[in-house]
Amino acid sequence: MKKIIKELIVSVLLSLILIFILSVIISTTSVSENLINPITIAITTFALMIGAFRVSREKKEKGIIYGSLLGLLYMLILYIVSSLINFEFSLGINSIIMIILGILGGAVGGIIGVNF
């Protein structure tokens, strides 16, 4: 469990760094604002894949379980923080897509990590 929490922190930090870079790019170029949501989803999924890869590479077993758990924990934290900031605890289609892709991204990263 300690390794999962460590990689959860790594995934969050990687997401924050990549989202910061995205925000700099958006503020200094003429990138369409319509791309923000898909790119954010891609960044989150990528960060989860990296974290799940690292967990399952070390554990050498049950990559899909560890990766999915990492994705679920990440999405749970993201949902709670987002809901507290927006003062709204509801699930829209974007939230559901993010949760599913987060869990799937973690699972894929876990599978790749075990087989690497």
PDB file of N, CA and C in Angstrom:
ATOM      1  N   MET A   1       0.835  -1.197   0.000  1.00  0.00           N
ATOM      2  CA  MET A   1       0.000   0.000   0.000  1.00  0.00           C
ATOM      3  C   MET A   1       0.876   1.255   0.000  1.00  0.00           C
ATOM      4  N   LYS A   2       2.032   1.170   0.647  1.00  0.00           N
ATOM      5  CA  LYS A   2       2.931   2.316   0.708  1.00  0.00           C
ATOM      6  C   LYS A   2       3.402   2.709  -0.691  1.00  0.00           C
ATOM      7  N   LYS A   3       3.693   1.714  -1.534  1.00  0.00           N
ATOM      8  CA  LYS A   3       4.148   1.977  -2.900  1.00  0.00           C
ATOM      9  C   LYS A   3       3.034   2.619  -3.719  1.00  0.00           C
ATOM     10  N   ILE A   4       1.798   2.186  -3.513  1.00  0.00           N
ATOM     11  CA  ILE A   4       0.676   2.770  -4.246  1.00  0.00           C
ATOM     12  C   ILE A   4       0.515   4.246  -3.880  1.00  0.00           C
ATOM     13  N   ILE A   5       0.626   4.560  -2.612  1.00  0.00           N
ATOM     14  CA  ILE A   5       0.501   5.958  -2.183  1.00  0.00           C
ATOM     15  C   ILE A   5       1.643   6.795  -2.741  1.00  0.00           C
ATOM     16  N   LYS A   6       2.848   6.231  -2.739  1.00  0.00           N
ATOM     17  CA  LYS A   6       4.004   6.947  -3.298  1.00  0.00           C
ATOM     18  C   LYS A   6       3.773   7.244  -4.773  1.00  0.00           C
ATOM     19  N   GLU A   7       3.317   6.264  -5.520  1.00  0.00           N
ATOM     20  CA  GLU A   7       3.089   6.466  -6.951  1.00  0.00           C
ATOM     21  C   GLU A   7       1.856   7.327  -7.219  1.00  0.00           C
ATOM     22  N   LEU A   8       0.911   7.336  -6.299  1.00  0.00           N
ATOM     23  CA  LEU A   8      -0.223   8.244  -6.400  1.00  0.00           C
ATOM     24  C   LEU A   8       0.281   9.686  -6.327  1.00  0.00           C
ATOM     25  N   ILE A   9       1.203   9.936  -5.407  1.00  0.00           N
ATOM     26  CA  ILE A   9       1.803  11.271  -5.285  1.00  0.00           C
ATOM     27  C   ILE A   9       2.593  11.615  -6.542  1.00  0.00           C
ATOM     28  N   VAL A  10       3.346  10.642  -7.070  1.00  0.00           N
ATOM     29  CA  VAL A  10       4.095  10.868  -8.309  1.00  0.00           C
ATOM     30  C   VAL A  10       3.136  11.221  -9.444  1.00  0.00           C
ATOM     31  N   SER A  11       2.037  10.498  -9.553  1.00  0.00           N
ATOM     32  CA  SER A  11       1.051  10.759 -10.610  1.00  0.00           C
ATOM     33  C   SER A  11       0.440  12.151 -10.475  1.00  0.00           C
ATOM     34  N   VAL A  12       0.114  12.540  -9.260  1.00  0.00           N
ATOM     35  CA  VAL A  12      -0.461  13.869  -9.027  1.00  0.00           C
ATOM     36  C   VAL A  12       0.559  14.946  -9.389  1.00  0.00           C
ATOM     37  N   LEU A  13       1.795  14.782  -8.953  1.00  0.00           N
ATOM     38  CA  LEU A  13       2.827  15.779  -9.266  1.00  0.00           C
ATOM     39  C   LEU A  13       3.085  15.860 -10.767  1.00  0.00           C
ATOM     40  N   LEU A  14       3.145  14.713 -11.432  1.00  0.00           N
ATOM     41  CA  LEU A  14       3.337  14.707 -12.878  1.00  0.00           C
ATOM     42  C   LEU A  14       2.169  15.414 -13.569  1.00  0.00           C
ATOM     43  N   SER A  15       0.958  15.157 -13.122  1.00  0.00           N
ATOM     44  CA  SER A  15      -0.215  15.838 -13.685  1.00  0.00           C
ATOM     45  C   SER A  15      -0.119  17.338 -13.496  1.00  0.00           C
ATOM     46  N   LEU A  16       0.251  17.759 -12.302  1.00  0.00           N
ATOM     47  CA  LEU A  16       0.353  19.196 -12.021  1.00  0.00           C
ATOM     48  C   LEU A  16       1.409  19.861 -12.892  1.00  0.00           C
ATOM     49  N   ILE A  17       2.546  19.208 -13.066  1.00  0.00           N
ATOM     50  CA  ILE A  17       3.607  19.764 -13.901  1.00  0.00           C
ATOM     51  C   ILE A  17       3.142  19.882 -15.347  1.00  0.00           C
ATOM     52  N   LEU A  18       2.529  18.818 -15.867  1.00  0.00           N
ATOM     53  CA  LEU A  18       2.069  18.843 -17.253  1.00  0.00           C
ATOM     54  C   LEU A  18       0.928  19.837 -17.464  1.00  0.00           C
ATOM     55  N   ILE A  19       0.050  19.974 -16.491  1.00  0.00           N
ATOM     56  CA  ILE A  19      -1.042  20.952 -16.608  1.00  0.00           C
ATOM     57  C   ILE A  19      -0.492  22.374 -16.517  1.00  0.00           C
ATOM     58  N   PHE A  20       0.537  22.585 -15.718  1.00  0.00           N
ATOM     59  CA  PHE A  20       1.190  23.896 -15.661  1.00  0.00           C
ATOM     60  C   PHE A  20       1.792  24.232 -17.026  1.00  0.00           C
ATOM     61  N   ILE A  21       2.484  23.262 -17.632  1.00  0.00           N
ATOM     62  CA  ILE A  21       3.062  23.477 -18.959  1.00  0.00           C
ATOM     63  C   ILE A  21       1.952  23.779 -19.971  1.00  0.00           C
ATOM     64  N   LEU A  22       0.853  23.046 -19.886  1.00  0.00           N
ATOM     65  CA  LEU A  22      -0.295  23.301 -20.758  1.00  0.00           C
ATOM     66  C   LEU A  22      -0.818  24.726 -20.570  1.00  0.00           C
ATOM     67  N   SER A  23      -0.916  25.166 -19.334  1.00  0.00           N
ATOM     68  CA  SER A  23      -1.433  26.511 -19.082  1.00  0.00           C
ATOM     69  C   SER A  23      -0.502  27.587 -19.649  1.00  0.00           C
ATOM     70  N   VAL A  24       0.805  27.353 -19.573  1.00  0.00           N
ATOM     71  CA  VAL A  24       1.753  28.299 -20.166  1.00  0.00           C
ATOM     72  C   VAL A  24       1.581  28.328 -21.680  1.00  0.00           C
ATOM     73  N   ILE A  25       1.443  27.156 -22.282  1.00  0.00           N
ATOM     74  CA  ILE A  25       1.260  27.082 -23.734  1.00  0.00           C
ATOM     75  C   ILE A  25      -0.024  27.784 -24.151  1.00  0.00           C
ATOM     76  N   ILE A  26      -1.093  27.556 -23.419  1.00  0.00           N
ATOM     77  CA  ILE A  26      -2.382  28.166 -23.754  1.00  0.00           C
ATOM     78  C   ILE A  26      -2.330  29.681 -23.603  1.00  0.00           C
ATOM     79  N   SER A  27      -1.643  30.147 -22.562  1.00  0.00           N
ATOM     80  CA  SER A  27      -1.602  31.596 -22.329  1.00  0.00           C
ATOM     81  C   SER A  27      -0.659  32.328 -23.278  1.00  0.00           C
ATOM     82  N   THR A  28       0.282  31.632 -23.888  1.00  0.00           N
ATOM     83  CA  THR A  28       1.240  32.306 -24.767  1.00  0.00           C
ATOM     84  C   THR A  28       0.999  32.049 -26.252  1.00  0.00           C
ATOM     85  N   THR A  29       0.069  31.174 -26.577  1.00  0.00           N
ATOM     86  CA  THR A  29      -0.229  30.887 -27.978  1.00  0.00           C
ATOM     87  C   THR A  29      -1.726  31.031 -28.220  1.00  0.00           C
ATOM     88  N   SER A  30      -2.117  30.743 -29.424  1.00  0.00           N
ATOM     89  CA  SER A  30      -3.539  30.853 -29.764  1.00  0.00           C
ATOM     90  C   SER A  30      -4.199  29.479 -29.837  1.00  0.00           C
ATOM     91  N   VAL A  31      -3.855  28.609 -28.897  1.00  0.00           N
ATOM     92  CA  VAL A  31      -4.463  27.286 -28.835  1.00  0.00           C
ATOM     93  C   VAL A  31      -5.946  27.439 -28.465  1.00  0.00           C
ATOM     94  N   SER A  32      -6.789  26.709 -29.152  1.00  0.00           N
ATOM     95  CA  SER A  32      -8.228  26.789 -28.916  1.00  0.00           C
ATOM     96  C   SER A  32      -8.576  26.298 -27.507  1.00  0.00           C
ATOM     97  N   GLU A  33      -9.490  26.995 -26.869  1.00  0.00           N
ATOM     98  CA  GLU A  33      -9.928  26.591 -25.535  1.00  0.00           C
ATOM     99  C   GLU A  33     -10.734  25.298 -25.569  1.00  0.00           C
ATOM    100  N   ASN A  34     -11.215  24.916 -26.742  1.00  0.00           N
ATOM    101  CA  ASN A  34     -11.954  23.660 -26.880  1.00  0.00           C
ATOM    102  C   ASN A  34     -11.052  22.453 -26.656  1.00  0.00           C
ATOM    103  N   LEU A  35      -9.745  22.645 -26.751  1.00  0.00           N
ATOM    104  CA  LEU A  35      -8.805  21.544 -26.573  1.00  0.00           C
ATOM    105  C   LEU A  35      -8.416  21.316 -25.112  1.00  0.00           C
ATOM    106  N   ILE A  36      -8.776  22.224 -24.230  1.00  0.00           N
ATOM    107  CA  ILE A  36      -8.341  22.135 -22.833  1.00  0.00           C
ATOM    108  C   ILE A  36      -8.840  20.851 -22.173  1.00  0.00           C
ATOM    109  N   ASN A  37     -10.119  20.556 -22.293  1.00  0.00           N
ATOM    110  CA  ASN A  37     -10.680  19.371 -21.625  1.00  0.00           C
ATOM    111  C   ASN A  37     -10.077  18.066 -22.156  1.00  0.00           C
ATOM    112  N   PRO A  38     -10.016  17.851 -23.477  1.00  0.00           N
ATOM    113  CA  PRO A  38      -9.401  16.605 -23.957  1.00  0.00           C
ATOM    114  C   PRO A  38      -7.926  16.475 -23.583  1.00  0.00           C
ATOM    115  N   ILE A  39      -7.195  17.569 -23.631  1.00  0.00           N
ATOM    116  CA  ILE A  39      -5.775  17.510 -23.268  1.00  0.00           C
ATOM    117  C   ILE A  39      -5.618  17.227 -21.778  1.00  0.00           C
ATOM    118  N   THR A  40      -6.471  17.807 -20.952  1.00  0.00           N
ATOM    119  CA  THR A  40      -6.422  17.540 -19.508  1.00  0.00           C
ATOM    120  C   THR A  40      -6.718  16.068 -19.229  1.00  0.00           C
ATOM    121  N   ILE A  41      -7.684  15.504 -19.913  1.00  0.00           N
ATOM    122  CA  ILE A  41      -7.992  14.083 -19.753  1.00  0.00           C
ATOM    123  C   ILE A  41      -6.794  13.234 -20.179  1.00  0.00           C
ATOM    124  N   ALA A  42      -6.169  13.600 -21.293  1.00  0.00           N
ATOM    125  CA  ALA A  42      -5.001  12.861 -21.769  1.00  0.00           C
ATOM    126  C   ALA A  42      -3.838  12.958 -20.773  1.00  0.00           C
ATOM    127  N   ILE A  43      -3.626  14.136 -20.208  1.00  0.00           N
ATOM    128  CA  ILE A  43      -2.558  14.326 -19.219  1.00  0.00           C
ATOM    129  C   ILE A  43      -2.815  13.459 -17.993  1.00  0.00           C
ATOM    130  N   THR A  44      -4.039  13.476 -17.510  1.00  0.00           N
ATOM    131  CA  THR A  44      -4.401  12.685 -16.329  1.00  0.00           C
ATOM    132  C   THR A  44      -4.211  11.194 -16.597  1.00  0.00           C
ATOM    133  N   THR A  45      -4.683  10.738 -17.740  1.00  0.00           N
ATOM    134  CA  THR A  45      -4.551   9.318 -18.090  1.00  0.00           C
ATOM    135  C   THR A  45      -3.083   8.930 -18.224  1.00  0.00           C
ATOM    136  N   PHE A  46      -2.297   9.780 -18.866  1.00  0.00           N
ATOM    137  CA  PHE A  46      -0.863   9.518 -19.029  1.00  0.00           C
ATOM    138  C   PHE A  46      -0.160   9.439 -17.673  1.00  0.00           C
ATOM    139  N   ALA A  47      -0.446  10.383 -16.788  1.00  0.00           N
ATOM    140  CA  ALA A  47       0.186  10.387 -15.463  1.00  0.00           C
ATOM    141  C   ALA A  47      -0.185   9.126 -14.678  1.00  0.00           C
ATOM    142  N   LEU A  48      -1.428   8.695 -14.801  1.00  0.00           N
ATOM    143  CA  LEU A  48      -1.849   7.469 -14.125  1.00  0.00           C
ATOM    144  C   LEU A  48      -1.176   6.240 -14.722  1.00  0.00           C
ATOM    145  N   MET A  49      -1.002   6.222 -16.019  1.00  0.00           N
ATOM    146  CA  MET A  49      -0.316   5.098 -16.652  1.00  0.00           C
ATOM    147  C   MET A  49       1.129   4.997 -16.154  1.00  0.00           C
ATOM    148  N   ILE A  50       1.784   6.135 -16.016  1.00  0.00           N
ATOM    149  CA  ILE A  50       3.170   6.141 -15.518  1.00  0.00           C
ATOM    150  C   ILE A  50       3.209   5.636 -14.081  1.00  0.00           C
ATOM    151  N   GLY A  51       2.333   6.152 -13.225  1.00  0.00           N
ATOM    152  CA  GLY A  51       2.303   5.708 -11.829  1.00  0.00           C
ATOM    153  C   GLY A  51       1.990   4.232 -11.699  1.00  0.00           C
ATOM    154  N   ALA A  52       1.009   3.751 -12.457  1.00  0.00           N
ATOM    155  CA  ALA A  52       0.627   2.335 -12.404  1.00  0.00           C
ATOM    156  C   ALA A  52       1.736   1.454 -12.955  1.00  0.00           C
ATOM    157  N   PHE A  53       2.399   1.922 -13.999  1.00  0.00           N
ATOM    158  CA  PHE A  53       3.535   1.195 -14.557  1.00  0.00           C
ATOM    159  C   PHE A  53       4.610   0.998 -13.488  1.00  0.00           C
ATOM    160  N   ARG A  54       4.910   2.064 -12.769  1.00  0.00           N
ATOM    161  CA  ARG A  54       5.962   2.000 -11.748  1.00  0.00           C
ATOM    162  C   ARG A  54       5.579   1.089 -10.587  1.00  0.00           C
ATOM    163  N   VAL A  55       4.317   1.124 -10.183  1.00  0.00           N
ATOM    164  CA  VAL A  55       3.863   0.246  -9.091  1.00  0.00           C
ATOM    165  C   VAL A  55       3.967  -1.208  -9.508  1.00  0.00           C
ATOM    166  N   SER A  56       3.398  -1.539 -10.645  1.00  0.00           N
ATOM    167  CA  SER A  56       3.329  -2.938 -11.045  1.00  0.00           C
ATOM    168  C   SER A  56       4.679  -3.491 -11.488  1.00  0.00           C
ATOM    169  N   ARG A  57       5.557  -2.628 -11.968  1.00  0.00           N
ATOM    170  CA  ARG A  57       6.899  -3.080 -12.330  1.00  0.00           C
ATOM    171  C   ARG A  57       7.636  -3.566 -11.094  1.00  0.00           C
ATOM    172  N   GLU A  58       7.437  -2.873  -9.983  1.00  0.00           N
ATOM    173  CA  GLU A  58       8.089  -3.284  -8.734  1.00  0.00           C
ATOM    174  C   GLU A  58       7.403  -4.500  -8.114  1.00  0.00           C
ATOM    175  N   LYS A  59       6.074  -4.527  -8.137  1.00  0.00           N
ATOM    176  CA  LYS A  59       5.327  -5.631  -7.523  1.00  0.00           C
ATOM    177  C   LYS A  59       5.435  -6.922  -8.330  1.00  0.00           C
ATOM    178  N   LYS A  60       5.550  -6.784  -9.660  1.00  0.00           N
ATOM    179  CA  LYS A  60       5.706  -7.923 -10.577  1.00  0.00           C
ATOM    180  C   LYS A  60       4.507  -8.870 -10.618  1.00  0.00           C
ATOM    181  N   GLU A  61       3.365  -8.435 -10.137  1.00  0.00           N
ATOM    182  CA  GLU A  61       2.154  -9.248 -10.197  1.00  0.00           C
ATOM    183  C   GLU A  61       0.928  -8.354 -10.036  1.00  0.00           C
ATOM    184  N   LYS A  62      -0.207  -8.843 -10.481  1.00  0.00           N
ATOM    185  CA  LYS A  62      -1.498  -8.166 -10.316  1.00  0.00           C
ATOM    186  C   LYS A  62      -1.467  -6.714 -10.801  1.00  0.00           C
ATOM    187  N   GLY A  63      -0.856  -6.491 -11.943  1.00  0.00           N
ATOM    188  CA  GLY A  63      -0.729  -5.135 -12.475  1.00  0.00           C
ATOM    189  C   GLY A  63      -2.068  -4.468 -12.724  1.00  0.00           C
ATOM    190  N   ILE A  64      -3.022  -5.236 -13.226  1.00  0.00           N
ATOM    191  CA  ILE A  64      -4.333  -4.658 -13.514  1.00  0.00           C
ATOM    192  C   ILE A  64      -5.029  -4.218 -12.216  1.00  0.00           C
ATOM    193  N   ILE A  65      -4.835  -4.971 -11.148  1.00  0.00           N
ATOM    194  CA  ILE A  65      -5.446  -4.635  -9.857  1.00  0.00           C
ATOM    195  C   ILE A  65      -4.788  -3.391  -9.261  1.00  0.00           C
ATOM    196  N   TYR A  66      -3.453  -3.412  -9.192  1.00  0.00           N
ATOM    197  CA  TYR A  66      -2.741  -2.267  -8.620  1.00  0.00           C
ATOM    198  C   TYR A  66      -2.948  -1.009  -9.456  1.00  0.00           C
ATOM    199  N   GLY A  67      -2.919  -1.152 -10.778  1.00  0.00           N
ATOM    200  CA  GLY A  67      -3.132  -0.001 -11.648  1.00  0.00           C
ATOM    201  C   GLY A  67      -4.538   0.565 -11.527  1.00  0.00           C
ATOM    202  N   SER A  68      -5.527  -0.317 -11.505  1.00  0.00           N
ATOM    203  CA  SER A  68      -6.916   0.134 -11.356  1.00  0.00           C
ATOM    204  C   SER A  68      -7.135   0.802 -10.004  1.00  0.00           C
ATOM    205  N   LEU A  69      -6.538   0.242  -8.966  1.00  0.00           N
ATOM    206  CA  LEU A  69      -6.654   0.839  -7.634  1.00  0.00           C
ATOM    207  C   LEU A  69      -6.021   2.223  -7.606  1.00  0.00           C
ATOM    208  N   LEU A  70      -4.856   2.358  -8.221  1.00  0.00           N
ATOM    209  CA  LEU A  70      -4.203   3.664  -8.294  1.00  0.00           C
ATOM    210  C   LEU A  70      -5.089   4.655  -9.041  1.00  0.00           C
ATOM    211  N   GLY A  71      -5.647   4.219 -10.176  1.00  0.00           N
ATOM    212  CA  GLY A  71      -6.535   5.082 -10.946  1.00  0.00           C
ATOM    213  C   GLY A  71      -7.777   5.481 -10.172  1.00  0.00           C
ATOM    214  N   LEU A  72      -8.359   4.537  -9.461  1.00  0.00           N
ATOM    215  CA  LEU A  72      -9.559   4.824  -8.664  1.00  0.00           C
ATOM    216  C   LEU A  72      -9.256   5.812  -7.541  1.00  0.00           C
ATOM    217  N   LEU A  73      -8.147   5.601  -6.832  1.00  0.00           N
ATOM    218  CA  LEU A  73      -7.768   6.524  -5.756  1.00  0.00           C
ATOM    219  C   LEU A  73      -7.502   7.925  -6.287  1.00  0.00           C
ATOM    220  N   TYR A  74      -6.789   8.006  -7.399  1.00  0.00           N
ATOM    221  CA  TYR A  74      -6.489   9.297  -8.019  1.00  0.00           C
ATOM    222  C   TYR A  74      -7.785  10.014  -8.384  1.00  0.00           C
ATOM    223  N   MET A  75      -8.684   9.291  -9.041  1.00  0.00           N
ATOM    224  CA  MET A  75      -9.944   9.900  -9.472  1.00  0.00           C
ATOM    225  C   MET A  75     -10.816  10.301  -8.283  1.00  0.00           C
ATOM    226  N   LEU A  76     -10.789   9.495  -7.228  1.00  0.00           N
ATOM    227  CA  LEU A  76     -11.544   9.835  -6.023  1.00  0.00           C
ATOM    228  C   LEU A  76     -11.024  11.139  -5.410  1.00  0.00           C
ATOM    229  N   ILE A  77      -9.716  11.248  -5.310  1.00  0.00           N
ATOM    230  CA  ILE A  77      -9.118  12.477  -4.774  1.00  0.00           C
ATOM    231  C   ILE A  77      -9.444  13.662  -5.680  1.00  0.00           C
ATOM    232  N   LEU A  78      -9.298  13.475  -6.992  1.00  0.00           N
ATOM    233  CA  LEU A  78      -9.589  14.545  -7.943  1.00  0.00           C
ATOM    234  C   LEU A  78     -11.052  14.974  -7.855  1.00  0.00           C
ATOM    235  N   TYR A  79     -11.960  14.011  -7.726  1.00  0.00           N
ATOM    236  CA  TYR A  79     -13.385  14.325  -7.627  1.00  0.00           C
ATOM    237  C   TYR A  79     -13.690  15.104  -6.348  1.00  0.00           C
ATOM    238  N   ILE A  80     -13.129  14.667  -5.231  1.00  0.00           N
ATOM    239  CA  ILE A  80     -13.388  15.345  -3.956  1.00  0.00           C
ATOM    240  C   ILE A  80     -12.839  16.771  -3.977  1.00  0.00           C
ATOM    241  N   VAL A  81     -11.599  16.936  -4.438  1.00  0.00           N
ATOM    242  CA  VAL A  81     -10.999  18.274  -4.488  1.00  0.00           C
ATOM    243  C   VAL A  81     -11.787  19.177  -5.439  1.00  0.00           C
ATOM    244  N   SER A  82     -12.114  18.659  -6.607  1.00  0.00           N
ATOM    245  CA  SER A  82     -12.879  19.437  -7.574  1.00  0.00           C
ATOM    246  C   SER A  82     -14.259  19.813  -7.034  1.00  0.00           C
ATOM    247  N   SER A  83     -14.905  18.890  -6.363  1.00  0.00           N
ATOM    248  CA  SER A  83     -16.233  19.160  -5.799  1.00  0.00           C
ATOM    249  C   SER A  83     -16.167  20.193  -4.686  1.00  0.00           C
ATOM    250  N   LEU A  84     -15.124  20.125  -3.874  1.00  0.00           N
ATOM    251  CA  LEU A  84     -14.973  21.117  -2.808  1.00  0.00           C
ATOM    252  C   LEU A  84     -14.695  22.510  -3.370  1.00  0.00           C
ATOM    253  N   ILE A  85     -13.902  22.567  -4.431  1.00  0.00           N
ATOM    254  CA  ILE A  85     -13.594  23.859  -5.040  1.00  0.00           C
ATOM    255  C   ILE A  85     -14.830  24.456  -5.702  1.00  0.00           C
ATOM    256  N   ASN A  86     -15.601  23.616  -6.378  1.00  0.00           N
ATOM    257  CA  ASN A  86     -16.787  24.097  -7.105  1.00  0.00           C
ATOM    258  C   ASN A  86     -18.055  24.112  -6.261  1.00  0.00           C
ATOM    259  N   PHE A  87     -17.987  23.649  -5.018  1.00  0.00           N
ATOM    260  CA  PHE A  87     -19.147  23.559  -4.128  1.00  0.00           C
ATOM    261  C   PHE A  87     -20.287  22.777  -4.760  1.00  0.00           C
ATOM    262  N   GLU A  88     -19.952  21.727  -5.506  1.00  0.00           N
ATOM    263  CA  GLU A  88     -20.980  20.945  -6.188  1.00  0.00           C
ATOM    264  C   GLU A  88     -20.536  19.484  -6.275  1.00  0.00           C
ATOM    265  N   PHE A  89     -21.247  18.626  -5.561  1.00  0.00           N
ATOM    266  CA  PHE A  89     -20.962  17.196  -5.590  1.00  0.00           C
ATOM    267  C   PHE A  89     -21.935  16.512  -6.533  1.00  0.00           C
ATOM    268  N   SER A  90     -21.624  16.575  -7.819  1.00  0.00           N
ATOM    269  CA  SER A  90     -22.479  15.914  -8.807  1.00  0.00           C
ATOM    270  C   SER A  90     -21.592  15.269  -9.864  1.00  0.00           C
ATOM    271  N   LEU A  91     -22.154  14.277 -10.527  1.00  0.00           N
ATOM    272  CA  LEU A  91     -21.422  13.586 -11.580  1.00  0.00           C
ATOM    273  C   LEU A  91     -22.045  13.907 -12.929  1.00  0.00           C
ATOM    274  N   GLY A  92     -21.283  14.613 -13.753  1.00  0.00           N
ATOM    275  CA  GLY A  92     -21.710  14.876 -15.122  1.00  0.00           C
ATOM    276  C   GLY A  92     -21.038  13.875 -16.047  1.00  0.00           C
ATOM    277  N   ILE A  93     -21.326  13.993 -17.319  1.00  0.00           N
ATOM    278  CA  ILE A  93     -20.745  13.069 -18.286  1.00  0.00           C
ATOM    279  C   ILE A  93     -19.230  13.199 -18.335  1.00  0.00           C
ATOM    280  N   ASN A  94     -18.709  14.431 -18.210  1.00  0.00           N
ATOM    281  CA  ASN A  94     -17.254  14.618 -18.211  1.00  0.00           C
ATOM    282  C   ASN A  94     -16.604  13.949 -17.006  1.00  0.00           C
ATOM    283  N   SER A  95     -17.250  14.026 -15.853  1.00  0.00           N
ATOM    284  CA  SER A  95     -16.719  13.377 -14.646  1.00  0.00           C
ATOM    285  C   SER A  95     -16.693  11.863 -14.809  1.00  0.00           C
ATOM    286  N   ILE A  96     -17.749  11.322 -15.358  1.00  0.00           N
ATOM    287  CA  ILE A  96     -17.830   9.867 -15.543  1.00  0.00           C
ATOM    288  C   ILE A  96     -16.770   9.394 -16.541  1.00  0.00           C
ATOM    289  N   ILE A  97     -16.595  10.156 -17.624  1.00  0.00           N
ATOM    290  CA  ILE A  97     -15.566   9.811 -18.606  1.00  0.00           C
ATOM    291  C   ILE A  97     -14.180   9.862 -17.962  1.00  0.00           C
ATOM    292  N   MET A  98     -13.920  10.896 -17.173  1.00  0.00           N
ATOM    293  CA  MET A  98     -12.617  11.012 -16.490  1.00  0.00           C
ATOM    294  C   MET A  98     -12.383   9.837 -15.551  1.00  0.00           C
ATOM    295  N   ILE A  99     -13.382   9.452 -14.798  1.00  0.00           N
ATOM    296  CA  ILE A  99     -13.237   8.338 -13.854  1.00  0.00           C
ATOM    297  C   ILE A  99     -12.943   7.041 -14.600  1.00  0.00           C
ATOM    298  N   ILE A 100     -13.705   6.780 -15.640  1.00  0.00           N
ATOM    299  CA  ILE A 100     -13.500   5.550 -16.415  1.00  0.00           C
ATOM    300  C   ILE A 100     -12.116   5.541 -17.061  1.00  0.00           C
ATOM    301  N   LEU A 101     -11.727   6.642 -17.687  1.00  0.00           N
ATOM    302  CA  LEU A 101     -10.416   6.702 -18.331  1.00  0.00           C
ATOM    303  C   LEU A 101      -9.282   6.646 -17.312  1.00  0.00           C
ATOM    304  N   GLY A 102      -9.499   7.204 -16.136  1.00  0.00           N
ATOM    305  CA  GLY A 102      -8.483   7.122 -15.088  1.00  0.00           C
ATOM    306  C   GLY A 102      -8.246   5.690 -14.637  1.00  0.00           C
ATOM    307  N   ILE A 103      -9.333   4.971 -14.421  1.00  0.00           N
ATOM    308  CA  ILE A 103      -9.209   3.573 -13.995  1.00  0.00           C
ATOM    309  C   ILE A 103      -8.611   2.726 -15.121  1.00  0.00           C
ATOM    310  N   LEU A 104      -9.079   2.955 -16.354  1.00  0.00           N
ATOM    311  CA  LEU A 104      -8.536   2.206 -17.496  1.00  0.00           C
ATOM    312  C   LEU A 104      -7.064   2.542 -17.739  1.00  0.00           C
ATOM    313  N   GLY A 105      -6.712   3.829 -17.618  1.00  0.00           N
ATOM    314  CA  GLY A 105      -5.315   4.221 -17.783  1.00  0.00           C
ATOM    315  C   GLY A 105      -4.426   3.566 -16.749  1.00  0.00           C
ATOM    316  N   GLY A 106      -4.901   3.515 -15.518  1.00  0.00           N
ATOM    317  CA  GLY A 106      -4.156   2.831 -14.466  1.00  0.00           C
ATOM    318  C   GLY A 106      -4.028   1.346 -14.745  1.00  0.00           C
ATOM    319  N   ALA A 107      -5.106   0.736 -15.212  1.00  0.00           N
ATOM    320  CA  ALA A 107      -5.084  -0.705 -15.514  1.00  0.00           C
ATOM    321  C   ALA A 107      -4.103  -1.010 -16.642  1.00  0.00           C
ATOM    322  N   VAL A 108      -4.127  -0.200 -17.691  1.00  0.00           N
ATOM    323  CA  VAL A 108      -3.214  -0.412 -18.819  1.00  0.00           C
ATOM    324  C   VAL A 108      -1.767  -0.217 -18.374  1.00  0.00           C
ATOM    325  N   GLY A 109      -1.513   0.836 -17.606  1.00  0.00           N
ATOM    326  CA  GLY A 109      -0.163   1.048 -17.086  1.00  0.00           C
ATOM    327  C   GLY A 109       0.295  -0.100 -16.214  1.00  0.00           C
ATOM    328  N   GLY A 110      -0.613  -0.643 -15.424  1.00  0.00           N
ATOM    329  CA  GLY A 110      -0.289  -1.792 -14.574  1.00  0.00           C
ATOM    330  C   GLY A 110       0.032  -3.027 -15.379  1.00  0.00           C
ATOM    331  N   ILE A 111      -0.744  -3.272 -16.416  1.00  0.00           N
ATOM    332  CA  ILE A 111      -0.492  -4.434 -17.277  1.00  0.00           C
ATOM    333  C   ILE A 111       0.867  -4.306 -17.966  1.00  0.00           C
ATOM    334  N   ILE A 112       1.149  -3.123 -18.489  1.00  0.00           N
ATOM    335  CA  ILE A 112       2.424  -2.905 -19.157  1.00  0.00           C
ATOM    336  C   ILE A 112       3.582  -3.052 -18.166  1.00  0.00           C
ATOM    337  N   GLY A 113       3.414  -2.533 -16.960  1.00  0.00           N
ATOM    338  CA  GLY A 113       4.469  -2.613 -15.953  1.00  0.00           C
ATOM    339  C   GLY A 113       4.809  -4.038 -15.551  1.00  0.00           C
ATOM    340  N   VAL A 114       3.811  -4.879 -15.405  1.00  0.00           N
ATOM    341  CA  VAL A 114       4.045  -6.276 -15.035  1.00  0.00           C
ATOM    342  C   VAL A 114       4.792  -7.007 -16.160  1.00  0.00           C
ATOM    343  N   ASN A 115       4.441  -6.694 -17.391  1.00  0.00           N
ATOM    344  CA  ASN A 115       5.018  -7.380 -18.539  1.00  0.00           C
ATOM    345  C   ASN A 115       6.302  -6.750 -19.060  1.00  0.00           C
ATOM    346  N   PHE A 116       6.733  -5.680 -18.458  1.00  0.00           N
ATOM    347  CA  PHE A 116       7.926  -4.975 -18.940  1.00  0.00           C
ATOM    348  C   PHE A 116       9.185  -5.699 -18.538  1.00  0.00           C
TER     349      PHE A 116
END
